[in-house]
């Protein structure tokens, strides 16, 4: 199974989350992710240094649904712009590590100060 490409855009200084549904190769049958461990970093494109890490929650494990999120505190640490960051998501499911998703991260600046 090859990882899918999905570019994301988030607002700096705001909470961000998205739902990830993991299915079998047929695209219909969900993968049971009970007990799965997720690894998901945002990294600087130039230096490859870790900028932040997503928090993963197994929302509906039997249906293969997980939610990945960043708090407003974490998104505030990111520089606004496009082409600055990239991310990927790996998961250990049934003792097999898979890269599930990857892409670029665009960060929109906030106009309001002190948020």
C-alpha atoms as a PDB file:
ATOM      1  CA  UNK A   1       0.000   0.000   0.000  1.00  0.00           C
ATOM      2  CA  UNK A   2       1.483   3.319  -1.066  1.00  0.00           C
ATOM      3  CA  UNK A   3       0.970   6.484   0.954  1.00  0.00           C
ATOM      4  CA  UNK A   4      -1.532   9.000  -0.383  1.00  0.00           C
ATOM      5  CA  UNK A   5      -0.633  12.642  -1.023  1.00  0.00           C
ATOM      6  CA  UNK A   6      -2.812  15.237   0.699  1.00  0.00           C
ATOM      7  CA  UNK A   7      -1.651  18.842   1.075  1.00  0.00           C
ATOM      8  CA  UNK A   8      -3.070  20.756   4.024  1.00  0.00           C
ATOM      9  CA  UNK A   9      -3.650  24.419   4.822  1.00  0.00           C
ATOM     10  CA  UNK A  10      -4.058  25.567   8.399  1.00  0.00           C
ATOM     11  CA  UNK A  11      -4.541  28.865  10.171  1.00  0.00           C
ATOM     12  CA  UNK A  12      -1.720  29.984  12.437  1.00  0.00           C
ATOM     13  CA  UNK A  13      -2.764  30.362  16.117  1.00  0.00           C
ATOM     14  CA  UNK A  14      -5.960  28.303  15.627  1.00  0.00           C
ATOM     15  CA  UNK A  15      -6.824  24.719  16.490  1.00  0.00           C
ATOM     16  CA  UNK A  16      -6.604  22.341  13.511  1.00  0.00           C
ATOM     17  CA  UNK A  17      -7.780  18.778  13.034  1.00  0.00           C
ATOM     18  CA  UNK A  18      -8.771  16.333  10.337  1.00  0.00           C
ATOM     19  CA  UNK A  19     -10.305  12.884  10.242  1.00  0.00           C
ATOM     20  CA  UNK A  20      -8.396  10.044   8.605  1.00  0.00           C
ATOM     21  CA  UNK A  21     -10.284   6.922   7.525  1.00  0.00           C
ATOM     22  CA  UNK A  22      -8.113   3.905   6.775  1.00  0.00           C
ATOM     23  CA  UNK A  23      -9.530   1.299   4.405  1.00  0.00           C
ATOM     24  CA  UNK A  24      -8.358  -1.926   2.820  1.00  0.00           C
ATOM     25  CA  UNK A  25      -7.044  -1.898  -0.760  1.00  0.00           C
ATOM     26  CA  UNK A  26     -10.629  -2.328  -2.047  1.00  0.00           C
ATOM     27  CA  UNK A  27     -11.363   1.220  -0.812  1.00  0.00           C
ATOM     28  CA  UNK A  28     -14.497   0.028   0.993  1.00  0.00           C
ATOM     29  CA  UNK A  29     -13.590  -2.278   3.874  1.00  0.00           C
ATOM     30  CA  UNK A  30     -12.300  -0.414   6.953  1.00  0.00           C
ATOM     31  CA  UNK A  31      -9.077  -1.442   8.672  1.00  0.00           C
ATOM     32  CA  UNK A  32      -9.478  -2.189  12.379  1.00  0.00           C
ATOM     33  CA  UNK A  33      -7.003   0.223  14.004  1.00  0.00           C
ATOM     34  CA  UNK A  34      -7.643  -0.851  17.598  1.00  0.00           C
ATOM     35  CA  UNK A  35      -4.319  -0.526  19.429  1.00  0.00           C
ATOM     36  CA  UNK A  36      -2.630   1.271  16.516  1.00  0.00           C
ATOM     37  CA  UNK A  37       0.126   3.795  17.204  1.00  0.00           C
ATOM     38  CA  UNK A  38       0.448   6.873  14.985  1.00  0.00           C
ATOM     39  CA  UNK A  39       3.555   8.950  14.241  1.00  0.00           C
ATOM     40  CA  UNK A  40       2.949  12.291  12.541  1.00  0.00           C
ATOM     41  CA  UNK A  41       5.398  15.175  12.310  1.00  0.00           C
ATOM     42  CA  UNK A  42       5.503  18.506  10.532  1.00  0.00           C
ATOM     43  CA  UNK A  43       9.056  19.269   9.431  1.00  0.00           C
ATOM     44  CA  UNK A  44      10.864  22.255   7.966  1.00  0.00           C
ATOM     45  CA  UNK A  45      11.421  21.602   4.255  1.00  0.00           C
ATOM     46  CA  UNK A  46      14.963  23.032   4.184  1.00  0.00           C
ATOM     47  CA  UNK A  47      16.432  21.751   7.446  1.00  0.00           C
ATOM     48  CA  UNK A  48      14.201  18.678   8.005  1.00  0.00           C
ATOM     49  CA  UNK A  49      13.998  19.770  11.661  1.00  0.00           C
ATOM     50  CA  UNK A  50      10.805  18.814  13.449  1.00  0.00           C
ATOM     51  CA  UNK A  51       8.505  21.835  13.719  1.00  0.00           C
ATOM     52  CA  UNK A  52       5.686  20.122  15.625  1.00  0.00           C
ATOM     53  CA  UNK A  53       3.840  16.826  16.029  1.00  0.00           C
ATOM     54  CA  UNK A  54       0.193  15.926  15.473  1.00  0.00           C
ATOM     55  CA  UNK A  55      -1.765  14.322  18.290  1.00  0.00           C
ATOM     56  CA  UNK A  56      -3.632  11.217  17.122  1.00  0.00           C
ATOM     57  CA  UNK A  57      -6.833   9.876  18.643  1.00  0.00           C
ATOM     58  CA  UNK A  58      -8.513   6.624  17.643  1.00  0.00           C
ATOM     59  CA  UNK A  59     -11.986   8.055  17.066  1.00  0.00           C
ATOM     60  CA  UNK A  60     -13.762   4.881  15.845  1.00  0.00           C
ATOM     61  CA  UNK A  61     -11.095   2.152  15.726  1.00  0.00           C
ATOM     62  CA  UNK A  62     -13.273  -0.656  14.331  1.00  0.00           C
ATOM     63  CA  UNK A  63     -14.223   1.612  11.410  1.00  0.00           C
ATOM     64  CA  UNK A  64     -10.592   2.663  10.812  1.00  0.00           C
ATOM     65  CA  UNK A  65     -11.194   6.269  11.854  1.00  0.00           C
ATOM     66  CA  UNK A  66      -8.596   8.411  13.618  1.00  0.00           C
ATOM     67  CA  UNK A  67      -8.475  12.156  14.256  1.00  0.00           C
ATOM     68  CA  UNK A  68      -5.186  14.028  13.970  1.00  0.00           C
ATOM     69  CA  UNK A  69      -4.953  17.436  15.548  1.00  0.00           C
ATOM     70  CA  UNK A  70      -2.781  20.397  16.442  1.00  0.00           C
ATOM     71  CA  UNK A  71      -3.589  22.819  19.241  1.00  0.00           C
ATOM     72  CA  UNK A  72      -3.610  26.569  18.706  1.00  0.00           C
ATOM     73  CA  UNK A  73      -0.458  26.710  20.836  1.00  0.00           C
ATOM     74  CA  UNK A  74       1.330  24.425  18.366  1.00  0.00           C
ATOM     75  CA  UNK A  75       0.076  26.127  15.184  1.00  0.00           C
ATOM     76  CA  UNK A  76       1.240  29.464  16.595  1.00  0.00           C
ATOM     77  CA  UNK A  77       4.832  28.179  16.547  1.00  0.00           C
ATOM     78  CA  UNK A  78       4.707  27.743  12.742  1.00  0.00           C
ATOM     79  CA  UNK A  79       5.800  30.465  10.326  1.00  0.00           C
ATOM     80  CA  UNK A  80       3.144  31.663   7.905  1.00  0.00           C
ATOM     81  CA  UNK A  81       3.726  30.818   4.248  1.00  0.00           C
ATOM     82  CA  UNK A  82       3.677  28.082   1.637  1.00  0.00           C
ATOM     83  CA  UNK A  83       6.449  25.644   0.825  1.00  0.00           C
ATOM     84  CA  UNK A  84       7.988  25.928   4.295  1.00  0.00           C
ATOM     85  CA  UNK A  85       6.773  22.654   5.803  1.00  0.00           C
ATOM     86  CA  UNK A  86       5.977  19.063   4.928  1.00  0.00           C
ATOM     87  CA  UNK A  87       4.391  16.267   6.917  1.00  0.00           C
ATOM     88  CA  UNK A  88       3.785  12.563   6.867  1.00  0.00           C
ATOM     89  CA  UNK A  89       1.798  10.106   8.924  1.00  0.00           C
ATOM     90  CA  UNK A  90       2.914   6.595   9.798  1.00  0.00           C
ATOM     91  CA  UNK A  91       0.961   4.028  11.791  1.00  0.00           C
ATOM     92  CA  UNK A  92       1.788   0.710  13.408  1.00  0.00           C
ATOM     93  CA  UNK A  93      -1.301  -1.406  12.715  1.00  0.00           C
ATOM     94  CA  UNK A  94      -1.252  -5.095  13.670  1.00  0.00           C
ATOM     95  CA  UNK A  95       2.553  -4.991  14.062  1.00  0.00           C
ATOM     96  CA  UNK A  96       3.056  -3.563  10.553  1.00  0.00           C
ATOM     97  CA  UNK A  97       4.358  -0.001  10.107  1.00  0.00           C
ATOM     98  CA  UNK A  98       2.830   1.837   7.158  1.00  0.00           C
ATOM     99  CA  UNK A  99       3.236   5.314   5.783  1.00  0.00           C
ATOM    100  CA  UNK A 100      -0.346   6.428   5.237  1.00  0.00           C
ATOM    101  CA  UNK A 101      -0.282  10.057   4.147  1.00  0.00           C
ATOM    102  CA  UNK A 102       2.159  12.805   3.209  1.00  0.00           C
ATOM    103  CA  UNK A 103       2.088  16.297   1.769  1.00  0.00           C
ATOM    104  CA  UNK A 104       2.927  19.947   2.115  1.00  0.00           C
ATOM    105  CA  UNK A 105       1.674  22.266   4.845  1.00  0.00           C
ATOM    106  CA  UNK A 106       0.630  25.832   4.095  1.00  0.00           C
ATOM    107  CA  UNK A 107       0.159  28.156   7.064  1.00  0.00           C
ATOM    108  CA  UNK A 108      -2.099  31.201   6.767  1.00  0.00           C
ATOM    109  CA  UNK A 109      -1.131  34.153   8.995  1.00  0.00           C
ATOM    110  CA  UNK A 110      -3.490  35.552  11.600  1.00  0.00           C
ATOM    111  CA  UNK A 111      -4.390  39.247  11.548  1.00  0.00           C
ATOM    112  CA  UNK A 112      -5.380  39.510  15.196  1.00  0.00           C
ATOM    113  CA  UNK A 113      -2.532  40.119  17.639  1.00  0.00           C
ATOM    114  CA  UNK A 114      -2.167  38.401  21.000  1.00  0.00           C
ATOM    115  CA  UNK A 115      -4.249  35.309  20.215  1.00  0.00           C
END
